[in-house]
Amino acid sequence: MNLFAPLTLAALQLVAVAAYAQGNNTVDPSQGKARATQETTSQERSAARADRKAEGAAAARGPQIAEGQSTPTARETPAQSDRKEASKKRRAANSELNKAGALPRGGNNQ
C-alpha cells in the first residue's frame, strides 16, 4: 500500500504531460498545406519517364565502379630445382644457427 500512491501519482503525471503536449490541434494556414504545383499531363509524365529510363540505361552500360582496374598478373613460378636448392640453403643456415643456440626454443623460454 505504501508503494501504490507514489506510483499512481507518477502515472498520472505522465498522462497529464502527454495530454498537455497535444495542444489544440490548430495548424498555421501558411504552413498547413504544401505549395501548389502545376499538374502534369500523362504525356509529360511518360516523356519524363522515358528520359529517366534512357539515362539509367546509359549509366548501366557505362563504366562501372570496378572497371578499369586490372587484376595483378601472377608472378612466374620458379623451377622446382631452384626451389629445392633454396630450401636446402635455408635448412643448412637454420641448422647452423640452431646448433649454435642462436634460435630461441619458442613459447615463453626465449
PDB file of N, CA and C in Angstrom:
ATOM      1  N   MET A   1       0.833  -1.197   0.000  1.00  0.00           N
ATOM      2  CA  MET A   1       0.000   0.000   0.000  1.00  0.00           C
ATOM      3  C   MET A   1       0.875   1.257   0.000  1.00  0.00           C
ATOM      4  N   ASN A   2       2.038   1.181   0.639  1.00  0.00           N
ATOM      5  CA  ASN A   2       2.908   2.348   0.679  1.00  0.00           C
ATOM      6  C   ASN A   2       3.442   2.697  -0.703  1.00  0.00           C
ATOM      7  N   LEU A   3       3.578   1.738  -1.566  1.00  0.00           N
ATOM      8  CA  LEU A   3       4.144   1.960  -2.892  1.00  0.00           C
ATOM      9  C   LEU A   3       3.077   2.339  -3.922  1.00  0.00           C
ATOM     10  N   PHE A   4       1.839   2.052  -3.629  1.00  0.00           N
ATOM     11  CA  PHE A   4       0.761   2.272  -4.589  1.00  0.00           C
ATOM     12  C   PHE A   4       0.509   3.754  -4.862  1.00  0.00           C
ATOM     13  N   ALA A   5       0.501   4.582  -3.852  1.00  0.00           N
ATOM     14  CA  ALA A   5       0.183   6.007  -4.017  1.00  0.00           C
ATOM     15  C   ALA A   5       1.252   6.728  -4.847  1.00  0.00           C
ATOM     16  N   PRO A   6       2.551   6.565  -4.578  1.00  0.00           N
ATOM     17  CA  PRO A   6       3.540   7.276  -5.411  1.00  0.00           C
ATOM     18  C   PRO A   6       3.534   6.813  -6.872  1.00  0.00           C
ATOM     19  N   LEU A   7       3.324   5.514  -7.077  1.00  0.00           N
ATOM     20  CA  LEU A   7       3.280   5.024  -8.453  1.00  0.00           C
ATOM     21  C   LEU A   7       2.070   5.576  -9.196  1.00  0.00           C
ATOM     22  N   THR A   8       0.954   5.700  -8.519  1.00  0.00           N
ATOM     23  CA  THR A   8      -0.243   6.252  -9.143  1.00  0.00           C
ATOM     24  C   THR A   8      -0.028   7.715  -9.515  1.00  0.00           C
ATOM     25  N   LEU A   9       0.584   8.470  -8.620  1.00  0.00           N
ATOM     26  CA  LEU A   9       0.855   9.869  -8.918  1.00  0.00           C
ATOM     27  C   LEU A   9       1.820  10.013 -10.091  1.00  0.00           C
ATOM     28  N   ALA A  10       2.831   9.174 -10.157  1.00  0.00           N
ATOM     29  CA  ALA A  10       3.781   9.225 -11.262  1.00  0.00           C
ATOM     30  C   ALA A  10       3.092   8.908 -12.578  1.00  0.00           C
ATOM     31  N   ALA A  11       2.216   7.916 -12.600  1.00  0.00           N
ATOM     32  CA  ALA A  11       1.490   7.557 -13.815  1.00  0.00           C
ATOM     33  C   ALA A  11       0.566   8.687 -14.242  1.00  0.00           C
ATOM     34  N   LEU A  12      -0.082   9.337 -13.296  1.00  0.00           N
ATOM     35  CA  LEU A  12      -0.963  10.457 -13.631  1.00  0.00           C
ATOM     36  C   LEU A  12      -0.166  11.625 -14.220  1.00  0.00           C
ATOM     37  N   GLN A  13       1.013  11.867 -13.689  1.00  0.00           N
ATOM     38  CA  GLN A  13       1.844  12.932 -14.239  1.00  0.00           C
ATOM     39  C   GLN A  13       2.232  12.632 -15.687  1.00  0.00           C
ATOM     40  N   LEU A  14       2.571  11.383 -15.970  1.00  0.00           N
ATOM     41  CA  LEU A  14       2.923  11.013 -17.343  1.00  0.00           C
ATOM     42  C   LEU A  14       1.758  11.236 -18.298  1.00  0.00           C
ATOM     43  N   VAL A  15       0.558  10.862 -17.875  1.00  0.00           N
ATOM     44  CA  VAL A  15      -0.619  11.035 -18.722  1.00  0.00           C
ATOM     45  C   VAL A  15      -0.923  12.517 -18.898  1.00  0.00           C
ATOM     46  N   ALA A  16      -0.774  13.305 -17.831  1.00  0.00           N
ATOM     47  CA  ALA A  16      -1.061  14.729 -17.915  1.00  0.00           C
ATOM     48  C   ALA A  16      -0.081  15.430 -18.844  1.00  0.00           C
ATOM     49  N   VAL A  17       1.199  15.056 -18.803  1.00  0.00           N
ATOM     50  CA  VAL A  17       2.192  15.669 -19.678  1.00  0.00           C
ATOM     51  C   VAL A  17       1.868  15.340 -21.138  1.00  0.00           C
ATOM     52  N   ALA A  18       1.514  14.110 -21.426  1.00  0.00           N
ATOM     53  CA  ALA A  18       1.187  13.714 -22.794  1.00  0.00           C
ATOM     54  C   ALA A  18      -0.058  14.453 -23.280  1.00  0.00           C
ATOM     55  N   ALA A  19      -1.060  14.612 -22.431  1.00  0.00           N
ATOM     56  CA  ALA A  19      -2.288  15.301 -22.828  1.00  0.00           C
ATOM     57  C   ALA A  19      -2.023  16.781 -23.052  1.00  0.00           C
ATOM     58  N   TYR A  20      -1.204  17.389 -22.222  1.00  0.00           N
ATOM     59  CA  TYR A  20      -0.901  18.807 -22.356  1.00  0.00           C
ATOM     60  C   TYR A  20      -0.067  19.072 -23.623  1.00  0.00           C
ATOM     61  N   ALA A  21       0.799  18.135 -23.985  1.00  0.00           N
ATOM     62  CA  ALA A  21       1.676  18.321 -25.135  1.00  0.00           C
ATOM     63  C   ALA A  21       0.932  18.234 -26.455  1.00  0.00           C
ATOM     64  N   GLN A  22      -0.268  17.687 -26.457  1.00  0.00           N
ATOM     65  CA  GLN A  22      -1.003  17.528 -27.709  1.00  0.00           C
ATOM     66  C   GLN A  22      -1.469  18.853 -28.289  1.00  0.00           C
ATOM     67  N   GLY A  23      -1.694  19.829 -27.494  1.00  0.00           N
ATOM     68  CA  GLY A  23      -2.118  21.126 -27.997  1.00  0.00           C
ATOM     69  C   GLY A  23      -3.579  21.116 -28.384  1.00  0.00           C
ATOM     70  N   ASN A  24      -3.960  22.123 -29.177  1.00  0.00           N
ATOM     71  CA  ASN A  24      -5.378  22.257 -29.522  1.00  0.00           C
ATOM     72  C   ASN A  24      -5.651  21.884 -30.981  1.00  0.00           C
ATOM     73  N   ASN A  25      -4.707  21.232 -31.633  1.00  0.00           N
ATOM     74  CA  ASN A  25      -4.880  20.710 -32.994  1.00  0.00           C
ATOM     75  C   ASN A  25      -5.174  21.799 -34.024  1.00  0.00           C
ATOM     76  N   THR A  26      -4.588  22.970 -33.867  1.00  0.00           N
ATOM     77  CA  THR A  26      -4.745  24.004 -34.880  1.00  0.00           C
ATOM     78  C   THR A  26      -3.448  24.082 -35.693  1.00  0.00           C
ATOM     79  N   VAL A  27      -3.591  24.432 -36.952  1.00  0.00           N
ATOM     80  CA  VAL A  27      -2.457  24.500 -37.859  1.00  0.00           C
ATOM     81  C   VAL A  27      -2.383  25.910 -38.423  1.00  0.00           C
ATOM     82  N   ASP A  28      -1.170  26.419 -38.517  1.00  0.00           N
ATOM     83  CA  ASP A  28      -0.971  27.721 -39.141  1.00  0.00           C
ATOM     84  C   ASP A  28      -1.332  27.577 -40.621  1.00  0.00           C
ATOM     85  N   PRO A  29      -2.254  28.392 -41.124  1.00  0.00           N
ATOM     86  CA  PRO A  29      -2.681  28.232 -42.521  1.00  0.00           C
ATOM     87  C   PRO A  29      -1.547  28.362 -43.536  1.00  0.00           C
ATOM     88  N   SER A  30      -0.531  29.175 -43.218  1.00  0.00           N
ATOM     89  CA  SER A  30       0.555  29.338 -44.178  1.00  0.00           C
ATOM     90  C   SER A  30       1.456  28.113 -44.250  1.00  0.00           C
ATOM     91  N   GLN A  31       1.440  27.295 -43.217  1.00  0.00           N
ATOM     92  CA  GLN A  31       2.298  26.117 -43.186  1.00  0.00           C
ATOM     93  C   GLN A  31       1.505  24.816 -43.249  1.00  0.00           C
ATOM     94  N   GLY A  32       0.220  24.909 -43.325  1.00  0.00           N
ATOM     95  CA  GLY A  32      -0.615  23.726 -43.243  1.00  0.00           C
ATOM     96  C   GLY A  32      -0.673  22.899 -44.508  1.00  0.00           C
ATOM     97  N   LYS A  33      -0.400  23.502 -45.648  1.00  0.00           N
ATOM     98  CA  LYS A  33      -0.510  22.776 -46.908  1.00  0.00           C
ATOM     99  C   LYS A  33       0.767  22.932 -47.710  1.00  0.00           C
ATOM    100  N   ALA A  34       1.007  21.978 -48.570  1.00  0.00           N
ATOM    101  CA  ALA A  34       2.157  22.063 -49.461  1.00  0.00           C
ATOM    102  C   ALA A  34       1.878  23.095 -50.534  1.00  0.00           C
ATOM    103  N   ARG A  35       2.950  23.610 -51.136  1.00  0.00           N
ATOM    104  CA  ARG A  35       2.779  24.575 -52.207  1.00  0.00           C
ATOM    105  C   ARG A  35       2.046  23.939 -53.379  1.00  0.00           C
ATOM    106  N   ALA A  36       1.238  24.717 -54.013  1.00  0.00           N
ATOM    107  CA  ALA A  36       0.510  24.215 -55.176  1.00  0.00           C
ATOM    108  C   ALA A  36       1.482  24.028 -56.328  1.00  0.00           C
ATOM    109  N   THR A  37       1.392  22.892 -56.990  1.00  0.00           N
ATOM    110  CA  THR A  37       2.236  22.609 -58.140  1.00  0.00           C
ATOM    111  C   THR A  37       1.362  22.460 -59.371  1.00  0.00           C
ATOM    112  N   GLN A  38       1.951  22.723 -60.494  1.00  0.00           N
ATOM    113  CA  GLN A  38       1.204  22.608 -61.736  1.00  0.00           C
ATOM    114  C   GLN A  38       1.017  21.128 -62.043  1.00  0.00           C
ATOM    115  N   GLU A  39      -0.202  20.762 -62.378  1.00  0.00           N
ATOM    116  CA  GLU A  39      -0.464  19.364 -62.692  1.00  0.00           C
ATOM    117  C   GLU A  39       0.138  19.022 -64.046  1.00  0.00           C
ATOM    118  N   THR A  40       0.670  17.807 -64.134  1.00  0.00           N
ATOM    119  CA  THR A  40       1.276  17.368 -65.384  1.00  0.00           C
ATOM    120  C   THR A  40       0.328  16.420 -66.096  1.00  0.00           C
ATOM    121  N   THR A  41       0.445  16.414 -67.395  1.00  0.00           N
ATOM    122  CA  THR A  41      -0.393  15.518 -68.183  1.00  0.00           C
ATOM    123  C   THR A  41       0.283  14.150 -68.262  1.00  0.00           C
ATOM    124  N   SER A  42      -0.443  13.177 -68.684  1.00  0.00           N
ATOM    125  CA  SER A  42       0.116  11.833 -68.801  1.00  0.00           C
ATOM    126  C   SER A  42       1.214  11.791 -69.861  1.00  0.00           C
ATOM    127  N   GLN A  43       1.107  12.618 -70.906  1.00  0.00           N
ATOM    128  CA  GLN A  43       2.149  12.657 -71.931  1.00  0.00           C
ATOM    129  C   GLN A  43       3.443  13.222 -71.350  1.00  0.00           C
ATOM    130  N   GLU A  44       3.341  14.255 -70.530  1.00  0.00           N
ATOM    131  CA  GLU A  44       4.529  14.835 -69.902  1.00  0.00           C
ATOM    132  C   GLU A  44       5.192  13.829 -68.956  1.00  0.00           C
ATOM    133  N   ARG A  45       4.377  13.133 -68.187  1.00  0.00           N
ATOM    134  CA  ARG A  45       4.930  12.135 -67.266  1.00  0.00           C
ATOM    135  C   ARG A  45       5.601  11.003 -68.023  1.00  0.00           C
ATOM    136  N   SER A  46       4.991  10.528 -69.122  1.00  0.00           N
ATOM    137  CA  SER A  46       5.606   9.435 -69.885  1.00  0.00           C
ATOM    138  C   SER A  46       6.884   9.898 -70.569  1.00  0.00           C
ATOM    139  N   ALA A  47       6.939  11.158 -71.022  1.00  0.00           N
ATOM    140  CA  ALA A  47       8.161  11.685 -71.638  1.00  0.00           C
ATOM    141  C   ALA A  47       9.281  11.775 -70.591  1.00  0.00           C
ATOM    142  N   ALA A  48       8.939  12.251 -69.395  1.00  0.00           N
ATOM    143  CA  ALA A  48       9.945  12.330 -68.327  1.00  0.00           C
ATOM    144  C   ALA A  48      10.417  10.939 -67.934  1.00  0.00           C
ATOM    145  N   ARG A  49       9.492   9.994 -67.904  1.00  0.00           N
ATOM    146  CA  ARG A  49       9.848   8.618 -67.562  1.00  0.00           C
ATOM    147  C   ARG A  49      10.777   8.019 -68.611  1.00  0.00           C
ATOM    148  N   ALA A  50      10.522   8.304 -69.882  1.00  0.00           N
ATOM    149  CA  ALA A  50      11.380   7.797 -70.962  1.00  0.00           C
ATOM    150  C   ALA A  50      12.781   8.405 -70.860  1.00  0.00           C
ATOM    151  N   ASP A  51      12.854   9.693 -70.504  1.00  0.00           N
ATOM    152  CA  ASP A  51      14.166  10.331 -70.336  1.00  0.00           C
ATOM    153  C   ASP A  51      14.946   9.670 -69.200  1.00  0.00           C
ATOM    154  N   ARG A  52      14.274   9.440 -68.085  1.00  0.00           N
ATOM    155  CA  ARG A  52      14.954   8.793 -66.948  1.00  0.00           C
ATOM    156  C   ARG A  52      15.374   7.375 -67.297  1.00  0.00           C
ATOM    157  N   LYS A  53      14.543   6.680 -68.075  1.00  0.00           N
ATOM    158  CA  LYS A  53      14.882   5.319 -68.476  1.00  0.00           C
ATOM    159  C   LYS A  53      16.116   5.306 -69.361  1.00  0.00           C
ATOM    160  N   ALA A  54      16.200   6.260 -70.284  1.00  0.00           N
ATOM    161  CA  ALA A  54      17.361   6.344 -71.176  1.00  0.00           C
ATOM    162  C   ALA A  54      18.623   6.663 -70.373  1.00  0.00           C
ATOM    163  N   GLU A  55      18.528   7.583 -69.407  1.00  0.00           N
ATOM    164  CA  GLU A  55      19.683   7.916 -68.574  1.00  0.00           C
ATOM    165  C   GLU A  55      20.144   6.706 -67.760  1.00  0.00           C
ATOM    166  N   GLY A  56      19.191   5.966 -67.228  1.00  0.00           N
ATOM    167  CA  GLY A  56      19.533   4.781 -66.444  1.00  0.00           C
ATOM    168  C   GLY A  56      20.192   3.706 -67.284  1.00  0.00           C
ATOM    169  N   ALA A  57      19.693   3.521 -68.494  1.00  0.00           N
ATOM    170  CA  ALA A  57      20.289   2.516 -69.383  1.00  0.00           C
ATOM    171  C   ALA A  57      21.709   2.912 -69.757  1.00  0.00           C
ATOM    172  N   ALA A  58      21.927   4.200 -70.014  1.00  0.00           N
ATOM    173  CA  ALA A  58      23.279   4.664 -70.352  1.00  0.00           C
ATOM    174  C   ALA A  58      24.221   4.488 -69.165  1.00  0.00           C
ATOM    175  N   ALA A  59      23.727   4.746 -67.980  1.00  0.00           N
ATOM    176  CA  ALA A  59      24.572   4.590 -66.790  1.00  0.00           C
ATOM    177  C   ALA A  59      24.902   3.124 -66.551  1.00  0.00           C
ATOM    178  N   ALA A  60      23.959   2.241 -66.844  1.00  0.00           N
ATOM    179  CA  ALA A  60      24.213   0.814 -66.638  1.00  0.00           C
ATOM    180  C   ALA A  60      25.207   0.271 -67.655  1.00  0.00           C
ATOM    181  N   ARG A  61      25.223   0.844 -68.861  1.00  0.00           N
ATOM    182  CA  ARG A  61      26.146   0.377 -69.895  1.00  0.00           C
ATOM    183  C   ARG A  61      27.501   1.070 -69.808  1.00  0.00           C
ATOM    184  N   GLY A  62      27.580   2.151 -69.066  1.00  0.00           N
ATOM    185  CA  GLY A  62      28.822   2.903 -68.952  1.00  0.00           C
ATOM    186  C   GLY A  62      29.797   2.204 -68.009  1.00  0.00           C
ATOM    187  N   PRO A  63      30.896   2.886 -67.717  1.00  0.00           N
ATOM    188  CA  PRO A  63      31.899   2.287 -66.833  1.00  0.00           C
ATOM    189  C   PRO A  63      31.341   2.089 -65.423  1.00  0.00           C
ATOM    190  N   GLN A  64      31.616   0.938 -64.875  1.00  0.00           N
ATOM    191  CA  GLN A  64      31.138   0.616 -63.536  1.00  0.00           C
ATOM    192  C   GLN A  64      32.232   0.898 -62.517  1.00  0.00           C
ATOM    193  N   ILE A  65      31.933   0.698 -61.259  1.00  0.00           N
ATOM    194  CA  ILE A  65      32.845   1.060 -60.184  1.00  0.00           C
ATOM    195  C   ILE A  65      34.170   0.316 -60.294  1.00  0.00           C
ATOM    196  N   ALA A  66      34.157  -0.968 -60.521  1.00  0.00           N
ATOM    197  CA  ALA A  66      35.387  -1.759 -60.510  1.00  0.00           C
ATOM    198  C   ALA A  66      36.048  -1.855 -61.879  1.00  0.00           C
ATOM    199  N   GLU A  67      35.457  -1.254 -62.883  1.00  0.00           N
ATOM    200  CA  GLU A  67      36.045  -1.350 -64.215  1.00  0.00           C
ATOM    201  C   GLU A  67      37.274  -0.464 -64.318  1.00  0.00           C
ATOM    202  N   GLY A  68      38.195  -0.866 -65.173  1.00  0.00           N
ATOM    203  CA  GLY A  68      39.396  -0.089 -65.382  1.00  0.00           C
ATOM    204  C   GLY A  68      40.516  -0.453 -64.430  1.00  0.00           C
ATOM    205  N   GLN A  69      40.241  -1.265 -63.438  1.00  0.00           N
ATOM    206  CA  GLN A  69      41.267  -1.692 -62.504  1.00  0.00           C
ATOM    207  C   GLN A  69      41.677  -3.105 -62.899  1.00  0.00           C
ATOM    208  N   SER A  70      42.816  -3.204 -63.505  1.00  0.00           N
ATOM    209  CA  SER A  70      43.235  -4.515 -63.972  1.00  0.00           C
ATOM    210  C   SER A  70      43.675  -5.369 -62.786  1.00  0.00           C
ATOM    211  N   THR A  71      43.471  -6.643 -62.919  1.00  0.00           N
ATOM    212  CA  THR A  71      43.915  -7.558 -61.874  1.00  0.00           C
ATOM    213  C   THR A  71      45.416  -7.758 -62.000  1.00  0.00           C
ATOM    214  N   PRO A  72      46.108  -7.876 -60.895  1.00  0.00           N
ATOM    215  CA  PRO A  72      47.556  -8.052 -60.979  1.00  0.00           C
ATOM    216  C   PRO A  72      47.901  -9.374 -61.656  1.00  0.00           C
ATOM    217  N   THR A  73      48.972  -9.344 -62.410  1.00  0.00           N
ATOM    218  CA  THR A  73      49.392 -10.563 -63.091  1.00  0.00           C
ATOM    219  C   THR A  73      50.171 -11.436 -62.113  1.00  0.00           C
ATOM    220  N   ALA A  74      50.053 -12.718 -62.275  1.00  0.00           N
ATOM    221  CA  ALA A  74      50.748 -13.651 -61.396  1.00  0.00           C
ATOM    222  C   ALA A  74      52.234 -13.657 -61.737  1.00  0.00           C
ATOM    223  N   ARG A  75      53.044 -13.780 -60.714  1.00  0.00           N
ATOM    224  CA  ARG A  75      54.486 -13.837 -60.972  1.00  0.00           C
ATOM    225  C   ARG A  75      54.844 -15.244 -61.438  1.00  0.00           C
ATOM    226  N   GLU A  76      55.955 -15.322 -62.089  1.00  0.00           N
ATOM    227  CA  GLU A  76      56.371 -16.617 -62.607  1.00  0.00           C
ATOM    228  C   GLU A  76      56.799 -17.520 -61.462  1.00  0.00           C
ATOM    229  N   THR A  77      56.433 -18.767 -61.531  1.00  0.00           N
ATOM    230  CA  THR A  77      56.813 -19.740 -60.508  1.00  0.00           C
ATOM    231  C   THR A  77      58.213 -20.249 -60.826  1.00  0.00           C
ATOM    232  N   PRO A  78      59.121 -20.197 -59.845  1.00  0.00           N
ATOM    233  CA  PRO A  78      60.475 -20.704 -60.117  1.00  0.00           C
ATOM    234  C   PRO A  78      60.447 -22.213 -60.356  1.00  0.00           C
ATOM    235  N   ALA A  79      61.447 -22.673 -61.029  1.00  0.00           N
ATOM    236  CA  ALA A  79      61.525 -24.098 -61.335  1.00  0.00           C
ATOM    237  C   ALA A  79      61.679 -24.898 -60.038  1.00  0.00           C
ATOM    238  N   GLN A  80      61.270 -26.141 -60.067  1.00  0.00           N
ATOM    239  CA  GLN A  80      61.323 -26.989 -58.879  1.00  0.00           C
ATOM    240  C   GLN A  80      62.760 -27.181 -58.398  1.00  0.00           C
ATOM    241  N   SER A  81      63.704 -27.300 -59.304  1.00  0.00           N
ATOM    242  CA  SER A  81      65.098 -27.480 -58.901  1.00  0.00           C
ATOM    243  C   SER A  81      65.615 -26.239 -58.166  1.00  0.00           C
ATOM    244  N   ASP A  82      65.195 -25.047 -58.616  1.00  0.00           N
ATOM    245  CA  ASP A  82      65.598 -23.814 -57.936  1.00  0.00           C
ATOM    246  C   ASP A  82      64.995 -23.746 -56.535  1.00  0.00           C
ATOM    247  N   ARG A  83      63.740 -24.159 -56.411  1.00  0.00           N
ATOM    248  CA  ARG A  83      63.091 -24.138 -55.090  1.00  0.00           C
ATOM    249  C   ARG A  83      63.763 -25.116 -54.141  1.00  0.00           C
ATOM    250  N   LYS A  84      64.111 -26.293 -54.637  1.00  0.00           N
ATOM    251  CA  LYS A  84      64.775 -27.285 -53.785  1.00  0.00           C
ATOM    252  C   LYS A  84      66.141 -26.775 -53.324  1.00  0.00           C
ATOM    253  N   GLU A  85      66.866 -26.138 -54.230  1.00  0.00           N
ATOM    254  CA  GLU A  85      68.195 -25.597 -53.898  1.00  0.00           C
ATOM    255  C   GLU A  85      68.066 -24.506 -52.824  1.00  0.00           C
ATOM    256  N   ALA A  86      67.097 -23.615 -52.970  1.00  0.00           N
ATOM    257  CA  ALA A  86      66.892 -22.553 -51.984  1.00  0.00           C
ATOM    258  C   ALA A  86      66.472 -23.139 -50.643  1.00  0.00           C
ATOM    259  N   SER A  87      65.647 -24.189 -50.677  1.00  0.00           N
ATOM    260  CA  SER A  87      65.216 -24.837 -49.441  1.00  0.00           C
ATOM    261  C   SER A  87      66.395 -25.469 -48.721  1.00  0.00           C
ATOM    262  N   LYS A  88      67.294 -26.119 -49.470  1.00  0.00           N
ATOM    263  CA  LYS A  88      68.487 -26.731 -48.860  1.00  0.00           C
ATOM    264  C   LYS A  88      69.362 -25.672 -48.193  1.00  0.00           C
ATOM    265  N   LYS A  89      69.520 -24.514 -48.853  1.00  0.00           N
ATOM    266  CA  LYS A  89      70.333 -23.438 -48.286  1.00  0.00           C
ATOM    267  C   LYS A  89      69.712 -22.912 -46.989  1.00  0.00           C
ATOM    268  N   ARG A  90      68.399 -22.715 -46.999  1.00  0.00           N
ATOM    269  CA  ARG A  90      67.717 -22.220 -45.789  1.00  0.00           C
ATOM    270  C   ARG A  90      67.835 -23.223 -44.649  1.00  0.00           C
ATOM    271  N   ARG A  91      67.630 -24.491 -44.952  1.00  0.00           N
ATOM    272  CA  ARG A  91      67.721 -25.523 -43.910  1.00  0.00           C
ATOM    273  C   ARG A  91      69.128 -25.604 -43.336  1.00  0.00           C
ATOM    274  N   ALA A  92      70.126 -25.492 -44.201  1.00  0.00           N
ATOM    275  CA  ALA A  92      71.512 -25.545 -43.722  1.00  0.00           C
ATOM    276  C   ALA A  92      71.805 -24.352 -42.824  1.00  0.00           C
ATOM    277  N   ALA A  93      71.346 -23.159 -43.213  1.00  0.00           N
ATOM    278  CA  ALA A  93      71.583 -21.964 -42.403  1.00  0.00           C
ATOM    279  C   ALA A  93      70.855 -22.073 -41.065  1.00  0.00           C
ATOM    280  N   ASN A  94      69.620 -22.535 -41.077  1.00  0.00           N
ATOM    281  CA  ASN A  94      68.871 -22.698 -39.825  1.00  0.00           C
ATOM    282  C   ASN A  94      69.489 -23.773 -38.942  1.00  0.00           C
ATOM    283  N   SER A  95      70.000 -24.821 -39.549  1.00  0.00           N
ATOM    284  CA  SER A  95      70.641 -25.886 -38.777  1.00  0.00           C
ATOM    285  C   SER A  95      71.874 -25.352 -38.054  1.00  0.00           C
ATOM    286  N   GLU A  96      72.690 -24.556 -38.748  1.00  0.00           N
ATOM    287  CA  GLU A  96      73.883 -23.971 -38.124  1.00  0.00           C
ATOM    288  C   GLU A  96      73.503 -23.040 -36.977  1.00  0.00           C
ATOM    289  N   LEU A  97      72.482 -22.207 -37.187  1.00  0.00           N
ATOM    290  CA  LEU A  97      72.038 -21.294 -36.127  1.00  0.00           C
ATOM    291  C   LEU A  97      71.481 -22.067 -34.937  1.00  0.00           C
ATOM    292  N   ASN A  98      70.776 -23.155 -35.207  1.00  0.00           N
ATOM    293  CA  ASN A  98      70.195 -23.950 -34.131  1.00  0.00           C
ATOM    294  C   ASN A  98      71.288 -24.639 -33.320  1.00  0.00           C
ATOM    295  N   LYS A  99      72.312 -25.155 -34.004  1.00  0.00           N
ATOM    296  CA  LYS A  99      73.420 -25.811 -33.313  1.00  0.00           C
ATOM    297  C   LYS A  99      74.197 -24.814 -32.450  1.00  0.00           C
ATOM    298  N   ALA A 100      74.278 -23.566 -32.913  1.00  0.00           N
ATOM    299  CA  ALA A 100      74.994 -22.545 -32.165  1.00  0.00           C
ATOM    300  C   ALA A 100      74.151 -21.983 -31.018  1.00  0.00           C
ATOM    301  N   GLY A 101      72.876 -22.343 -30.956  1.00  0.00           N
ATOM    302  CA  GLY A 101      71.999 -21.849 -29.892  1.00  0.00           C
ATOM    303  C   GLY A 101      71.470 -20.450 -30.148  1.00  0.00           C
ATOM    304  N   ALA A 102      71.549 -19.985 -31.375  1.00  0.00           N
ATOM    305  CA  ALA A 102      71.115 -18.639 -31.694  1.00  0.00           C
ATOM    306  C   ALA A 102      69.592 -18.521 -31.884  1.00  0.00           C
ATOM    307  N   LEU A 103      68.906 -19.646 -32.078  1.00  0.00           N
ATOM    308  CA  LEU A 103      67.463 -19.621 -32.273  1.00  0.00           C
ATOM    309  C   LEU A 103      66.766 -19.900 -30.939  1.00  0.00           C
ATOM    310  N   PRO A 104      65.728 -19.137 -30.600  1.00  0.00           N
ATOM    311  CA  PRO A 104      65.001 -19.417 -29.364  1.00  0.00           C
ATOM    312  C   PRO A 104      64.229 -20.720 -29.473  1.00  0.00           C
ATOM    313  N   ARG A 105      63.899 -21.269 -28.328  1.00  0.00           N
ATOM    314  CA  ARG A 105      63.189 -22.559 -28.306  1.00  0.00           C
ATOM    315  C   ARG A 105      61.704 -22.364 -28.594  1.00  0.00           C
ATOM    316  N   GLY A 106      61.213 -21.160 -28.535  1.00  0.00           N
ATOM    317  CA  GLY A 106      59.804 -20.914 -28.766  1.00  0.00           C
ATOM    318  C   GLY A 106      59.037 -20.852 -27.463  1.00  0.00           C
ATOM    319  N   GLY A 107      57.794 -20.464 -27.529  1.00  0.00           N
ATOM    320  CA  GLY A 107      56.991 -20.324 -26.313  1.00  0.00           C
ATOM    321  C   GLY A 107      57.524 -19.202 -25.443  1.00  0.00           C
ATOM    322  N   ASN A 108      57.523 -19.415 -24.127  1.00  0.00           N
ATOM    323  CA  ASN A 108      57.998 -18.403 -23.191  1.00  0.00           C
ATOM    324  C   ASN A 108      59.440 -18.616 -22.790  1.00  0.00           C
ATOM    325  N   ASN A 109      60.117 -19.622 -23.341  1.00  0.00           N
ATOM    326  CA  ASN A 109      61.501 -19.951 -22.952  1.00  0.00           C
ATOM    327  C   ASN A 109      62.506 -19.284 -23.887  1.00  0.00           C
ATOM    328  N   GLN A 110      62.371 -18.048 -24.129  1.00  0.00           N
ATOM    329  CA  GLN A 110      63.275 -17.392 -25.084  1.00  0.00           C
ATOM    330  C   GLN A 110      64.502 -16.866 -24.422  1.00  0.00           C
TER     331      GLN A 110
END
